[in-house]
């Protein structure tokens, strides 16, 4: 899972749901610099 899936994960959801989706993807944020 990476940030390129973000558009697909939030499709059809409310704007406030993007915060929860982004928070669930935060695990991979540390590997973006590698």
C-alpha atoms as a PDB file:
ATOM      1  CA  UNK A   1       0.000   0.000   0.000  1.00  0.00           C
ATOM      2  CA  UNK A   2       1.297   3.429  -0.841  1.00  0.00           C
ATOM      3  CA  UNK A   3       0.056   6.947  -1.457  1.00  0.00           C
ATOM      4  CA  UNK A   4      -0.764   6.265  -5.116  1.00  0.00           C
ATOM      5  CA  UNK A   5      -3.822   4.351  -3.894  1.00  0.00           C
ATOM      6  CA  UNK A   6      -5.173   7.420  -2.100  1.00  0.00           C
ATOM      7  CA  UNK A   7      -7.450   8.536  -4.957  1.00  0.00           C
ATOM      8  CA  UNK A   8      -8.952   5.077  -5.212  1.00  0.00           C
ATOM      9  CA  UNK A   9      -9.475   4.690  -1.468  1.00  0.00           C
ATOM     10  CA  UNK A  10     -11.295   7.994  -1.009  1.00  0.00           C
ATOM     11  CA  UNK A  11     -13.459   7.732  -4.121  1.00  0.00           C
ATOM     12  CA  UNK A  12     -17.093   8.193  -3.133  1.00  0.00           C
ATOM     13  CA  UNK A  13     -16.281   9.181   0.453  1.00  0.00           C
ATOM     14  CA  UNK A  14     -16.752  12.448   2.266  1.00  0.00           C
ATOM     15  CA  UNK A  15     -13.871  14.911   2.569  1.00  0.00           C
ATOM     16  CA  UNK A  16     -13.632  14.275   6.313  1.00  0.00           C
ATOM     17  CA  UNK A  17     -12.983  10.581   5.604  1.00  0.00           C
ATOM     18  CA  UNK A  18      -9.727  11.437   3.854  1.00  0.00           C
ATOM     19  CA  UNK A  19      -8.170  12.237   7.234  1.00  0.00           C
ATOM     20  CA  UNK A  20      -8.891   8.720   8.453  1.00  0.00           C
ATOM     21  CA  UNK A  21      -7.656   7.151   5.224  1.00  0.00           C
ATOM     22  CA  UNK A  22      -4.474   9.217   5.274  1.00  0.00           C
ATOM     23  CA  UNK A  23      -3.902   8.293   8.918  1.00  0.00           C
ATOM     24  CA  UNK A  24      -4.196   4.621   8.082  1.00  0.00           C
ATOM     25  CA  UNK A  25      -1.546   5.022   5.361  1.00  0.00           C
ATOM     26  CA  UNK A  26       0.873   6.884   7.638  1.00  0.00           C
ATOM     27  CA  UNK A  27       2.741   3.628   8.269  1.00  0.00           C
ATOM     28  CA  UNK A  28       4.441   3.819   4.861  1.00  0.00           C
ATOM     29  CA  UNK A  29       5.276   7.540   5.127  1.00  0.00           C
ATOM     30  CA  UNK A  30       8.608   6.753   6.758  1.00  0.00           C
ATOM     31  CA  UNK A  31       9.710   4.765   3.733  1.00  0.00           C
ATOM     32  CA  UNK A  32       9.125   7.565   1.226  1.00  0.00           C
ATOM     33  CA  UNK A  33      12.667   8.846   1.664  1.00  0.00           C
ATOM     34  CA  UNK A  34      14.239   5.530   0.735  1.00  0.00           C
END
